[in-house]
C-alpha atoms as a PDB file:
ATOM      1  CA  UNK A   1      -1.123  12.790   8.013  1.00  0.00           C
ATOM      2  CA  UNK A   2       1.471  11.645  10.494  1.00  0.00           C
ATOM      3  CA  UNK A   3       4.046  14.034  11.897  1.00  0.00           C
ATOM      4  CA  UNK A   4       7.639  13.036  12.105  1.00  0.00           C
ATOM      5  CA  UNK A   5      11.394  13.238  11.729  1.00  0.00           C
ATOM      6  CA  UNK A   6      13.049  11.877   8.642  1.00  0.00           C
ATOM      7  CA  UNK A   7      16.421  11.002   7.130  1.00  0.00           C
ATOM      8  CA  UNK A   8      17.368  12.094   3.614  1.00  0.00           C
ATOM      9  CA  UNK A   9      19.846  10.454   1.315  1.00  0.00           C
ATOM     10  CA  UNK A  10      20.651  11.995  -2.032  1.00  0.00           C
ATOM     11  CA  UNK A  11      20.891   9.218  -4.543  1.00  0.00           C
ATOM     12  CA  UNK A  12      20.964   9.516  -8.318  1.00  0.00           C
ATOM     13  CA  UNK A  13      18.422   7.535 -10.294  1.00  0.00           C
ATOM     14  CA  UNK A  14      19.640   5.455 -13.202  1.00  0.00           C
ATOM     15  CA  UNK A  15      16.859   4.582 -15.575  1.00  0.00           C
ATOM     16  CA  UNK A  16      16.480   0.893 -16.197  1.00  0.00           C
ATOM     17  CA  UNK A  17      15.358  -0.104 -19.666  1.00  0.00           C
ATOM     18  CA  UNK A  18      14.479  -3.701 -20.466  1.00  0.00           C
ATOM     19  CA  UNK A  19      12.759  -5.487 -23.319  1.00  0.00           C
ATOM     20  CA  UNK A  20      11.582  -9.016 -22.685  1.00  0.00           C
ATOM     21  CA  UNK A  21      14.437 -11.034 -21.284  1.00  0.00           C
ATOM     22  CA  UNK A  22      17.077  -9.275 -23.438  1.00  0.00           C
ATOM     23  CA  UNK A  23      19.870  -7.382 -21.712  1.00  0.00           C
ATOM     24  CA  UNK A  24      18.924  -4.948 -19.002  1.00  0.00           C
ATOM     25  CA  UNK A  25      20.674  -1.757 -20.031  1.00  0.00           C
ATOM     26  CA  UNK A  26      21.412   0.948 -17.481  1.00  0.00           C
ATOM     27  CA  UNK A  27      21.688   4.427 -18.887  1.00  0.00           C
ATOM     28  CA  UNK A  28      23.298   7.279 -17.003  1.00  0.00           C
ATOM     29  CA  UNK A  29      20.800  10.128 -16.825  1.00  0.00           C
ATOM     30  CA  UNK A  30      22.364  13.464 -15.959  1.00  0.00           C
ATOM     31  CA  UNK A  31      18.918  15.011 -15.772  1.00  0.00           C
ATOM     32  CA  UNK A  32      17.507  12.457 -13.339  1.00  0.00           C
ATOM     33  CA  UNK A  33      16.067  13.822 -10.132  1.00  0.00           C
ATOM     34  CA  UNK A  34      17.871  13.394  -6.836  1.00  0.00           C
ATOM     35  CA  UNK A  35      15.687  11.428  -4.417  1.00  0.00           C
ATOM     36  CA  UNK A  36      15.455  12.996  -0.978  1.00  0.00           C
ATOM     37  CA  UNK A  37      13.374  12.374   2.101  1.00  0.00           C
ATOM     38  CA  UNK A  38      11.581  14.892   4.271  1.00  0.00           C
ATOM     39  CA  UNK A  39       9.726  15.308   7.549  1.00  0.00           C
ATOM     40  CA  UNK A  40       6.244  16.520   8.303  1.00  0.00           C
ATOM     41  CA  UNK A  41       5.543  17.941  11.746  1.00  0.00           C
ATOM     42  CA  UNK A  42       2.696  19.386  13.781  1.00  0.00           C
ATOM     43  CA  UNK A  43       2.178  20.435  17.390  1.00  0.00           C
ATOM     44  CA  UNK A  44       3.184  16.910  18.497  1.00  0.00           C
ATOM     45  CA  UNK A  45       6.794  17.558  17.557  1.00  0.00           C
ATOM     46  CA  UNK A  46       9.306  19.905  19.259  1.00  0.00           C
ATOM     47  CA  UNK A  47       9.728  23.503  18.144  1.00  0.00           C
ATOM     48  CA  UNK A  48      13.302  24.158  19.209  1.00  0.00           C
ATOM     49  CA  UNK A  49      16.335  24.694  17.011  1.00  0.00           C
ATOM     50  CA  UNK A  50      18.137  21.724  18.558  1.00  0.00           C
ATOM     51  CA  UNK A  51      15.436  19.363  17.260  1.00  0.00           C
ATOM     52  CA  UNK A  52      15.528  20.712  13.714  1.00  0.00           C
ATOM     53  CA  UNK A  53      19.320  20.899  13.640  1.00  0.00           C
ATOM     54  CA  UNK A  54      19.415  17.254  14.676  1.00  0.00           C
ATOM     55  CA  UNK A  55      17.278  16.498  11.649  1.00  0.00           C
ATOM     56  CA  UNK A  56      19.531  18.551   9.421  1.00  0.00           C
ATOM     57  CA  UNK A  57      22.577  16.818  10.829  1.00  0.00           C
ATOM     58  CA  UNK A  58      20.992  13.548   9.768  1.00  0.00           C
ATOM     59  CA  UNK A  59      20.635  15.028   6.283  1.00  0.00           C
ATOM     60  CA  UNK A  60      16.950  15.883   6.377  1.00  0.00           C
ATOM     61  CA  UNK A  61      16.507  18.286   3.477  1.00  0.00           C
ATOM     62  CA  UNK A  62      13.013  19.626   4.093  1.00  0.00           C
ATOM     63  CA  UNK A  63      10.100  19.755   6.488  1.00  0.00           C
ATOM     64  CA  UNK A  64       6.364  20.224   5.959  1.00  0.00           C
ATOM     65  CA  UNK A  65       4.773  22.020   8.901  1.00  0.00           C
ATOM     66  CA  UNK A  66       1.091  21.885   9.760  1.00  0.00           C
ATOM     67  CA  UNK A  67      -0.193  25.459   9.772  1.00  0.00           C
ATOM     68  CA  UNK A  68      -3.990  25.468   9.875  1.00  0.00           C
ATOM     69  CA  UNK A  69      -7.179  23.456  10.034  1.00  0.00           C
ATOM     70  CA  UNK A  70     -10.657  24.599   9.053  1.00  0.00           C
ATOM     71  CA  UNK A  71     -11.575  28.234   8.377  1.00  0.00           C
ATOM     72  CA  UNK A  72     -11.672  31.522  10.264  1.00  0.00           C
ATOM     73  CA  UNK A  73     -15.399  31.089  10.864  1.00  0.00           C
ATOM     74  CA  UNK A  74     -15.058  27.352  11.545  1.00  0.00           C
ATOM     75  CA  UNK A  75     -12.424  25.414  13.485  1.00  0.00           C
ATOM     76  CA  UNK A  76     -10.005  28.332  13.079  1.00  0.00           C
ATOM     77  CA  UNK A  77      -7.147  26.130  14.256  1.00  0.00           C
ATOM     78  CA  UNK A  78      -3.589  27.375  13.981  1.00  0.00           C
ATOM     79  CA  UNK A  79      -0.742  25.111  15.053  1.00  0.00           C
ATOM     80  CA  UNK A  80       0.467  26.860  18.240  1.00  0.00           C
ATOM     81  CA  UNK A  81       4.034  25.801  17.509  1.00  0.00           C
ATOM     82  CA  UNK A  82       4.004  26.795  13.847  1.00  0.00           C
ATOM     83  CA  UNK A  83       5.865  30.075  14.246  1.00  0.00           C
ATOM     84  CA  UNK A  84       8.635  28.590  16.353  1.00  0.00           C
ATOM     85  CA  UNK A  85       8.878  25.495  14.145  1.00  0.00           C
ATOM     86  CA  UNK A  86       9.195  27.604  10.997  1.00  0.00           C
ATOM     87  CA  UNK A  87      11.976  29.738  12.498  1.00  0.00           C
ATOM     88  CA  UNK A  88      13.803  26.728  13.932  1.00  0.00           C
ATOM     89  CA  UNK A  89      13.589  24.783  10.662  1.00  0.00           C
ATOM     90  CA  UNK A  90      14.856  27.773   8.690  1.00  0.00           C
ATOM     91  CA  UNK A  91      17.707  28.251  11.151  1.00  0.00           C
ATOM     92  CA  UNK A  92      18.629  24.602  10.633  1.00  0.00           C
ATOM     93  CA  UNK A  93      18.788  25.112   6.863  1.00  0.00           C
ATOM     94  CA  UNK A  94      15.721  23.031   6.018  1.00  0.00           C
ATOM     95  CA  UNK A  95      13.368  23.839   3.168  1.00  0.00           C
ATOM     96  CA  UNK A  96      10.040  24.770   4.797  1.00  0.00           C
ATOM     97  CA  UNK A  97       6.684  23.837   3.293  1.00  0.00           C
ATOM     98  CA  UNK A  98       3.225  24.128   4.857  1.00  0.00           C
ATOM     99  CA  UNK A  99       0.090  22.030   4.986  1.00  0.00           C
ATOM    100  CA  UNK A 100      -3.557  22.679   5.757  1.00  0.00           C
ATOM    101  CA  UNK A 101      -5.800  19.956   7.183  1.00  0.00           C
ATOM    102  CA  UNK A 102      -8.990  20.125   5.145  1.00  0.00           C
ATOM    103  CA  UNK A 103     -12.395  20.208   6.821  1.00  0.00           C
ATOM    104  CA  UNK A 104     -14.311  21.955   4.057  1.00  0.00           C
ATOM    105  CA  UNK A 105     -17.922  21.295   3.141  1.00  0.00           C
ATOM    106  CA  UNK A 106     -18.941  23.029  -0.057  1.00  0.00           C
ATOM    107  CA  UNK A 107     -17.202  25.385  -2.460  1.00  0.00           C
ATOM    108  CA  UNK A 108     -17.557  28.534  -0.376  1.00  0.00           C
ATOM    109  CA  UNK A 109     -16.313  26.818   2.760  1.00  0.00           C
ATOM    110  CA  UNK A 110     -13.325  25.524   0.786  1.00  0.00           C
ATOM    111  CA  UNK A 111     -12.522  29.054  -0.390  1.00  0.00           C
ATOM    112  CA  UNK A 112     -12.827  30.313   3.191  1.00  0.00           C
ATOM    113  CA  UNK A 113     -10.343  27.669   4.342  1.00  0.00           C
ATOM    114  CA  UNK A 114      -7.949  28.694   1.581  1.00  0.00           C
ATOM    115  CA  UNK A 115      -8.146  32.329   2.680  1.00  0.00           C
ATOM    116  CA  UNK A 116      -7.561  31.332   6.308  1.00  0.00           C
ATOM    117  CA  UNK A 117      -4.518  29.298   5.287  1.00  0.00           C
ATOM    118  CA  UNK A 118      -3.129  32.063   3.055  1.00  0.00           C
ATOM    119  CA  UNK A 119      -3.698  34.797   5.645  1.00  0.00           C
ATOM    120  CA  UNK A 120      -1.979  32.743   8.341  1.00  0.00           C
ATOM    121  CA  UNK A 121       1.002  31.958   6.105  1.00  0.00           C
ATOM    122  CA  UNK A 122       1.435  35.670   5.428  1.00  0.00           C
ATOM    123  CA  UNK A 123       1.691  36.344   9.173  1.00  0.00           C
ATOM    124  CA  UNK A 124       4.815  34.198   9.245  1.00  0.00           C
ATOM    125  CA  UNK A 125       6.367  36.004   6.273  1.00  0.00           C
ATOM    126  CA  UNK A 126       6.199  32.999   3.952  1.00  0.00           C
ATOM    127  CA  UNK A 127       5.812  33.969   0.326  1.00  0.00           C
ATOM    128  CA  UNK A 128       3.459  32.652  -2.328  1.00  0.00           C
ATOM    129  CA  UNK A 129       6.278  30.535  -3.765  1.00  0.00           C
ATOM    130  CA  UNK A 130       6.150  28.348  -0.633  1.00  0.00           C
ATOM    131  CA  UNK A 131       5.087  24.754  -1.278  1.00  0.00           C
ATOM    132  CA  UNK A 132       1.585  24.458   0.193  1.00  0.00           C
ATOM    133  CA  UNK A 133      -0.235  21.171   0.698  1.00  0.00           C
ATOM    134  CA  UNK A 134      -3.940  20.383   0.883  1.00  0.00           C
ATOM    135  CA  UNK A 135      -4.121  17.508   3.380  1.00  0.00           C
ATOM    136  CA  UNK A 136      -7.250  15.733   2.148  1.00  0.00           C
ATOM    137  CA  UNK A 137      -7.938  12.695   4.296  1.00  0.00           C
ATOM    138  CA  UNK A 138     -10.765  13.434   6.748  1.00  0.00           C
ATOM    139  CA  UNK A 139     -13.495  10.815   6.322  1.00  0.00           C
ATOM    140  CA  UNK A 140     -16.182  13.394   7.090  1.00  0.00           C
ATOM    141  CA  UNK A 141     -15.477  15.406   3.916  1.00  0.00           C
ATOM    142  CA  UNK A 142     -18.687  15.296   1.826  1.00  0.00           C
ATOM    143  CA  UNK A 143     -17.122  16.119  -1.559  1.00  0.00           C
ATOM    144  CA  UNK A 144     -13.327  16.027  -1.260  1.00  0.00           C
ATOM    145  CA  UNK A 145     -12.738  16.135  -5.007  1.00  0.00           C
ATOM    146  CA  UNK A 146     -14.670  19.271  -5.961  1.00  0.00           C
ATOM    147  CA  UNK A 147     -14.067  21.069  -2.687  1.00  0.00           C
ATOM    148  CA  UNK A 148     -10.313  20.534  -3.050  1.00  0.00           C
ATOM    149  CA  UNK A 149     -10.497  22.020  -6.547  1.00  0.00           C
ATOM    150  CA  UNK A 150     -12.252  25.068  -5.035  1.00  0.00           C
ATOM    151  CA  UNK A 151      -9.691  25.293  -2.228  1.00  0.00           C
ATOM    152  CA  UNK A 152      -6.758  25.162  -4.622  1.00  0.00           C
ATOM    153  CA  UNK A 153      -8.345  27.566  -7.083  1.00  0.00           C
ATOM    154  CA  UNK A 154      -8.663  30.121  -4.312  1.00  0.00           C
ATOM    155  CA  UNK A 155      -5.044  29.609  -3.256  1.00  0.00           C
ATOM    156  CA  UNK A 156      -4.010  30.088  -6.872  1.00  0.00           C
ATOM    157  CA  UNK A 157      -6.022  33.318  -6.953  1.00  0.00           C
ATOM    158  CA  UNK A 158      -4.045  34.388  -3.887  1.00  0.00           C
ATOM    159  CA  UNK A 159      -0.834  33.801  -5.854  1.00  0.00           C
ATOM    160  CA  UNK A 160       0.337  30.435  -4.514  1.00  0.00           C
ATOM    161  CA  UNK A 161       2.065  28.665  -7.402  1.00  0.00           C
ATOM    162  CA  UNK A 162       3.524  25.565  -5.688  1.00  0.00           C
ATOM    163  CA  UNK A 163       0.561  23.476  -4.607  1.00  0.00           C
ATOM    164  CA  UNK A 164       0.409  19.771  -3.716  1.00  0.00           C
ATOM    165  CA  UNK A 165      -2.448  17.397  -2.884  1.00  0.00           C
ATOM    166  CA  UNK A 166      -1.873  14.865  -0.093  1.00  0.00           C
ATOM    167  CA  UNK A 167      -4.065  11.833   0.517  1.00  0.00           C
ATOM    168  CA  UNK A 168      -4.107   8.070   0.931  1.00  0.00           C
ATOM    169  CA  UNK A 169      -3.450   5.865  -2.071  1.00  0.00           C
ATOM    170  CA  UNK A 170      -6.970   4.432  -1.760  1.00  0.00           C
ATOM    171  CA  UNK A 171      -8.502   7.878  -2.255  1.00  0.00           C
ATOM    172  CA  UNK A 172      -6.471   8.435  -5.413  1.00  0.00           C
ATOM    173  CA  UNK A 173      -7.506   4.988  -6.655  1.00  0.00           C
ATOM    174  CA  UNK A 174     -11.153   5.874  -6.016  1.00  0.00           C
ATOM    175  CA  UNK A 175     -10.759   9.272  -7.712  1.00  0.00           C
ATOM    176  CA  UNK A 176     -11.882  11.009  -4.516  1.00  0.00           C
ATOM    177  CA  UNK A 177      -9.232  13.720  -4.868  1.00  0.00           C
ATOM    178  CA  UNK A 178      -8.040  15.698  -7.904  1.00  0.00           C
ATOM    179  CA  UNK A 179      -4.664  15.377  -9.599  1.00  0.00           C
ATOM    180  CA  UNK A 180      -4.501  18.822 -11.151  1.00  0.00           C
ATOM    181  CA  UNK A 181      -1.488  19.546  -8.916  1.00  0.00           C
ATOM    182  CA  UNK A 182       1.433  17.276  -7.905  1.00  0.00           C
ATOM    183  CA  UNK A 183       0.336  14.508  -5.554  1.00  0.00           C
ATOM    184  CA  UNK A 184       1.839  13.238  -2.309  1.00  0.00           C
ATOM    185  CA  UNK A 185       0.674   9.686  -1.647  1.00  0.00           C
ATOM    186  CA  UNK A 186       0.451   7.931   1.717  1.00  0.00           C
ATOM    187  CA  UNK A 187       0.771   4.171   1.300  1.00  0.00           C
ATOM    188  CA  UNK A 188       2.307   2.030   4.049  1.00  0.00           C
ATOM    189  CA  UNK A 189       3.448  -1.567   4.219  1.00  0.00           C
ATOM    190  CA  UNK A 190       4.137  -1.786   0.482  1.00  0.00           C
ATOM    191  CA  UNK A 191       7.193  -1.354  -1.703  1.00  0.00           C
ATOM    192  CA  UNK A 192       5.802   1.278  -4.081  1.00  0.00           C
ATOM    193  CA  UNK A 193       3.481   4.296  -3.953  1.00  0.00           C
ATOM    194  CA  UNK A 194       0.793   2.421  -5.875  1.00  0.00           C
ATOM    195  CA  UNK A 195      -0.276   5.622  -7.658  1.00  0.00           C
ATOM    196  CA  UNK A 196       1.249   6.696 -10.956  1.00  0.00           C
ATOM    197  CA  UNK A 197       3.237   9.938 -11.192  1.00  0.00           C
ATOM    198  CA  UNK A 198       3.391  10.655  -7.459  1.00  0.00           C
ATOM    199  CA  UNK A 199       5.727  13.532  -6.671  1.00  0.00           C
ATOM    200  CA  UNK A 200       6.227  12.215  -3.132  1.00  0.00           C
ATOM    201  CA  UNK A 201       5.498   9.001  -1.247  1.00  0.00           C
ATOM    202  CA  UNK A 202       4.874   8.761   2.492  1.00  0.00           C
ATOM    203  CA  UNK A 203       5.796   5.110   2.863  1.00  0.00           C
ATOM    204  CA  UNK A 204       5.815   4.535   6.618  1.00  0.00           C
ATOM    205  CA  UNK A 205       4.465   5.990   9.828  1.00  0.00           C
ATOM    206  CA  UNK A 206       6.984   4.147  11.982  1.00  0.00           C
ATOM    207  CA  UNK A 207      10.407   4.679  10.487  1.00  0.00           C
ATOM    208  CA  UNK A 208      13.120   2.747  12.277  1.00  0.00           C
ATOM    209  CA  UNK A 209      10.677   1.885  15.074  1.00  0.00           C
ATOM    210  CA  UNK A 210      10.500   5.530  16.156  1.00  0.00           C
ATOM    211  CA  UNK A 211       6.802   6.082  15.369  1.00  0.00           C
ATOM    212  CA  UNK A 212       7.617   8.734  12.779  1.00  0.00           C
ATOM    213  CA  UNK A 213       6.644   9.115   9.142  1.00  0.00           C
ATOM    214  CA  UNK A 214       9.018   8.942   6.205  1.00  0.00           C
ATOM    215  CA  UNK A 215       8.439  10.326   2.709  1.00  0.00           C
ATOM    216  CA  UNK A 216      10.436  10.117  -0.502  1.00  0.00           C
ATOM    217  CA  UNK A 217      10.615  13.289  -2.576  1.00  0.00           C
ATOM    218  CA  UNK A 218      10.893  12.121  -6.190  1.00  0.00           C
ATOM    219  CA  UNK A 219      10.775  15.530  -7.829  1.00  0.00           C
ATOM    220  CA  UNK A 220      12.749  17.523  -5.267  1.00  0.00           C
ATOM    221  CA  UNK A 221       9.771  19.794  -4.607  1.00  0.00           C
ATOM    222  CA  UNK A 222       9.934  19.402  -0.815  1.00  0.00           C
ATOM    223  CA  UNK A 223      13.676  19.147  -0.439  1.00  0.00           C
ATOM    224  CA  UNK A 224      15.053  21.381  -3.150  1.00  0.00           C
ATOM    225  CA  UNK A 225      17.269  18.512  -4.330  1.00  0.00           C
ATOM    226  CA  UNK A 226      16.275  18.976  -7.956  1.00  0.00           C
ATOM    227  CA  UNK A 227      14.229  21.192 -10.226  1.00  0.00           C
ATOM    228  CA  UNK A 228      12.487  20.889 -13.557  1.00  0.00           C
ATOM    229  CA  UNK A 229      15.255  22.838 -15.233  1.00  0.00           C
ATOM    230  CA  UNK A 230      18.403  21.364 -13.708  1.00  0.00           C
ATOM    231  CA  UNK A 231      19.072  17.774 -12.823  1.00  0.00           C
ATOM    232  CA  UNK A 232      21.266  16.527 -10.015  1.00  0.00           C
ATOM    233  CA  UNK A 233      24.522  14.665 -10.274  1.00  0.00           C
ATOM    234  CA  UNK A 234      24.196  10.904 -10.247  1.00  0.00           C
ATOM    235  CA  UNK A 235      26.131   9.010  -7.613  1.00  0.00           C
ATOM    236  CA  UNK A 236      25.588   5.758  -9.522  1.00  0.00           C
ATOM    237  CA  UNK A 237      26.846   6.233 -13.068  1.00  0.00           C
ATOM    238  CA  UNK A 238      24.579   3.409 -14.188  1.00  0.00           C
ATOM    239  CA  UNK A 239      26.865   2.225 -16.975  1.00  0.00           C
ATOM    240  CA  UNK A 240      28.281  -1.156 -15.894  1.00  0.00           C
ATOM    241  CA  UNK A 241      29.233  -3.838 -18.384  1.00  0.00           C
ATOM    242  CA  UNK A 242      26.767  -6.703 -18.415  1.00  0.00           C
ATOM    243  CA  UNK A 243      28.568  -9.993 -17.789  1.00  0.00           C
ATOM    244  CA  UNK A 244      27.517 -13.227 -19.437  1.00  0.00           C
ATOM    245  CA  UNK A 245      25.090 -15.087 -17.198  1.00  0.00           C
ATOM    246  CA  UNK A 246      23.314 -18.380 -17.573  1.00  0.00           C
ATOM    247  CA  UNK A 247      19.733 -18.463 -18.764  1.00  0.00           C
ATOM    248  CA  UNK A 248      18.793 -19.687 -15.304  1.00  0.00           C
ATOM    249  CA  UNK A 249      19.763 -16.305 -13.860  1.00  0.00           C
ATOM    250  CA  UNK A 250      16.594 -14.643 -15.108  1.00  0.00           C
ATOM    251  CA  UNK A 251      14.026 -13.572 -12.551  1.00  0.00           C
ATOM    252  CA  UNK A 252      10.367 -13.025 -13.350  1.00  0.00           C
ATOM    253  CA  UNK A 253       8.448 -10.573 -11.180  1.00  0.00           C
ATOM    254  CA  UNK A 254       5.666 -12.266  -9.209  1.00  0.00           C
ATOM    255  CA  UNK A 255       3.457  -9.640  -7.640  1.00  0.00           C
ATOM    256  CA  UNK A 256      -0.051  -8.395  -8.435  1.00  0.00           C
ATOM    257  CA  UNK A 257      -1.273  -8.139 -12.051  1.00  0.00           C
ATOM    258  CA  UNK A 258      -1.290  -4.503 -13.097  1.00  0.00           C
ATOM    259  CA  UNK A 259       1.239  -3.492 -10.449  1.00  0.00           C
ATOM    260  CA  UNK A 260       4.968  -3.840  -9.909  1.00  0.00           C
ATOM    261  CA  UNK A 261       7.691  -4.013  -7.303  1.00  0.00           C
ATOM    262  CA  UNK A 262      10.135  -1.289  -6.334  1.00  0.00           C
ATOM    263  CA  UNK A 263      13.548  -0.943  -7.891  1.00  0.00           C
ATOM    264  CA  UNK A 264      16.002   0.067  -5.170  1.00  0.00           C
ATOM    265  CA  UNK A 265      19.336   1.876  -4.982  1.00  0.00           C
ATOM    266  CA  UNK A 266      21.200  -0.484  -2.649  1.00  0.00           C
ATOM    267  CA  UNK A 267      19.634  -3.298  -0.659  1.00  0.00           C
ATOM    268  CA  UNK A 268      18.357  -4.262   2.802  1.00  0.00           C
ATOM    269  CA  UNK A 269      18.528  -1.442   5.369  1.00  0.00           C
ATOM    270  CA  UNK A 270      20.747   0.709   3.131  1.00  0.00           C
ATOM    271  CA  UNK A 271      18.267   0.823   0.260  1.00  0.00           C
ATOM    272  CA  UNK A 272      16.577   3.912  -1.173  1.00  0.00           C
ATOM    273  CA  UNK A 273      13.706   3.908  -3.664  1.00  0.00           C
ATOM    274  CA  UNK A 274      15.007   4.425  -7.203  1.00  0.00           C
ATOM    275  CA  UNK A 275      11.844   6.106  -8.429  1.00  0.00           C
ATOM    276  CA  UNK A 276      10.345   3.343 -10.566  1.00  0.00           C
ATOM    277  CA  UNK A 277       8.741  -0.096 -10.425  1.00  0.00           C
ATOM    278  CA  UNK A 278       9.167  -3.308 -12.409  1.00  0.00           C
ATOM    279  CA  UNK A 279       5.866  -4.731 -13.590  1.00  0.00           C
ATOM    280  CA  UNK A 280       4.373  -8.044 -12.615  1.00  0.00           C
ATOM    281  CA  UNK A 281       5.388 -10.837 -15.033  1.00  0.00           C
ATOM    282  CA  UNK A 282       8.293  -8.846 -16.523  1.00  0.00           C
ATOM    283  CA  UNK A 283      11.613 -10.749 -16.703  1.00  0.00           C
ATOM    284  CA  UNK A 284      15.078  -9.451 -15.809  1.00  0.00           C
ATOM    285  CA  UNK A 285      18.618 -10.790 -15.955  1.00  0.00           C
ATOM    286  CA  UNK A 286      20.173 -11.082 -12.513  1.00  0.00           C
ATOM    287  CA  UNK A 287      23.875 -10.208 -12.384  1.00  0.00           C
ATOM    288  CA  UNK A 288      24.591 -10.741  -8.694  1.00  0.00           C
ATOM    289  CA  UNK A 289      22.826 -11.790  -5.533  1.00  0.00           C
ATOM    290  CA  UNK A 290      23.310 -11.326  -1.817  1.00  0.00           C
ATOM    291  CA  UNK A 291      21.590 -12.642   1.273  1.00  0.00           C
ATOM    292  CA  UNK A 292      20.764 -10.505   4.316  1.00  0.00           C
ATOM    293  CA  UNK A 293      18.930 -11.849   7.365  1.00  0.00           C
ATOM    294  CA  UNK A 294      17.732 -14.852   5.392  1.00  0.00           C
ATOM    295  CA  UNK A 295      16.374 -12.805   2.468  1.00  0.00           C
ATOM    296  CA  UNK A 296      17.870 -12.726  -1.023  1.00  0.00           C
ATOM    297  CA  UNK A 297      18.399  -9.568  -3.044  1.00  0.00           C
ATOM    298  CA  UNK A 298      19.120  -9.514  -6.806  1.00  0.00           C
ATOM    299  CA  UNK A 299      21.349  -7.005  -8.570  1.00  0.00           C
ATOM    300  CA  UNK A 300      20.224  -5.932 -12.047  1.00  0.00           C
ATOM    301  CA  UNK A 301      23.243  -3.744 -12.791  1.00  0.00           C
ATOM    302  CA  UNK A 302      25.007  -0.801 -11.183  1.00  0.00           C
ATOM    303  CA  UNK A 303      23.598  -0.312  -7.690  1.00  0.00           C
ATOM    304  CA  UNK A 304      20.048  -1.328  -8.688  1.00  0.00           C
ATOM    305  CA  UNK A 305      18.470  -4.146  -6.639  1.00  0.00           C
ATOM    306  CA  UNK A 306      15.154  -5.955  -6.205  1.00  0.00           C
ATOM    307  CA  UNK A 307      13.837  -8.234  -3.475  1.00  0.00           C
ATOM    308  CA  UNK A 308      13.977 -11.895  -4.495  1.00  0.00           C
ATOM    309  CA  UNK A 309      10.822 -12.719  -2.545  1.00  0.00           C
ATOM    310  CA  UNK A 310       8.785 -10.945  -5.240  1.00  0.00           C
ATOM    311  CA  UNK A 311      10.165 -13.126  -8.047  1.00  0.00           C
ATOM    312  CA  UNK A 312       9.821 -16.694  -9.228  1.00  0.00           C
ATOM    313  CA  UNK A 313      13.189 -17.438  -7.568  1.00  0.00           C
ATOM    314  CA  UNK A 314      12.688 -16.246  -3.972  1.00  0.00           C
ATOM    315  CA  UNK A 315      15.517 -18.409  -2.593  1.00  0.00           C
ATOM    316  CA  UNK A 316      18.394 -17.383  -4.829  1.00  0.00           C
ATOM    317  CA  UNK A 317      20.174 -18.842  -7.866  1.00  0.00           C
ATOM    318  CA  UNK A 318      22.704 -21.664  -7.438  1.00  0.00           C
ATOM    319  CA  UNK A 319      24.492 -20.412 -10.576  1.00  0.00           C
ATOM    320  CA  UNK A 320      25.293 -17.112  -8.848  1.00  0.00           C
ATOM    321  CA  UNK A 321      26.321 -18.433  -5.441  1.00  0.00           C
END
């Protein structure tokens, strides 16, 4: 897991429904989640209020702080800045979550690590409703799947009811980690998480050239921007009229069979992931196009855009110029 500062933008998701080439209909969804972004930090990052307020000023909505690593009778590592980082983040108005870097080997060791994590969290007066993350990525883990189940079962027994599993996309693909709790997927250099039903996506470790991570929070779990019971207010109403376009203004997705490309709110540097992908070989009517730094972007309605380079018309449509 990389440790970083992040920028959050609250953007409503309009659900895009399409059948074949027919019209792409955008439906306003008052219950759609607000997409936020959040930071994760460790001892590498500052622990002063100025740092966290600067994040909050830039509309960071949450932060995940590394708390522990190993167990009391093992590595017994506690982030030396954790206490100050928690207080500073809270003072800045950020939602604070915690993560534990897993080193467990066997069910009992996993339970011991859970107890170490829970006991340490209690010392900082964080309740059992705090979002807690099992950071499962160490290549030395002998049985990450079953040991993570043991770790999380013990945390549940301690009363923690907001658990998340973090790992690389490749480990989820290989079924090396469980999905019994919401998942936070790390997958860089791509335009989608690559794992179905991810609650969060860490999509870069070098945001804006600053050598920091960036994660999207699809469900609002880390940022508090939405909940399962109340949806956020959409910025994009998602109900534009669909103008008549020529048959040539239909783009077919050209990516990897079985996968899709990201649908974005906005385009180029102002874009934000809209929370869904468009499958390889699917076809969509293009309403508008724009070119930024030599790359075309296609508008499918409202403020929903795709990158032309992942279609069968990477260089734009003459009918829309």
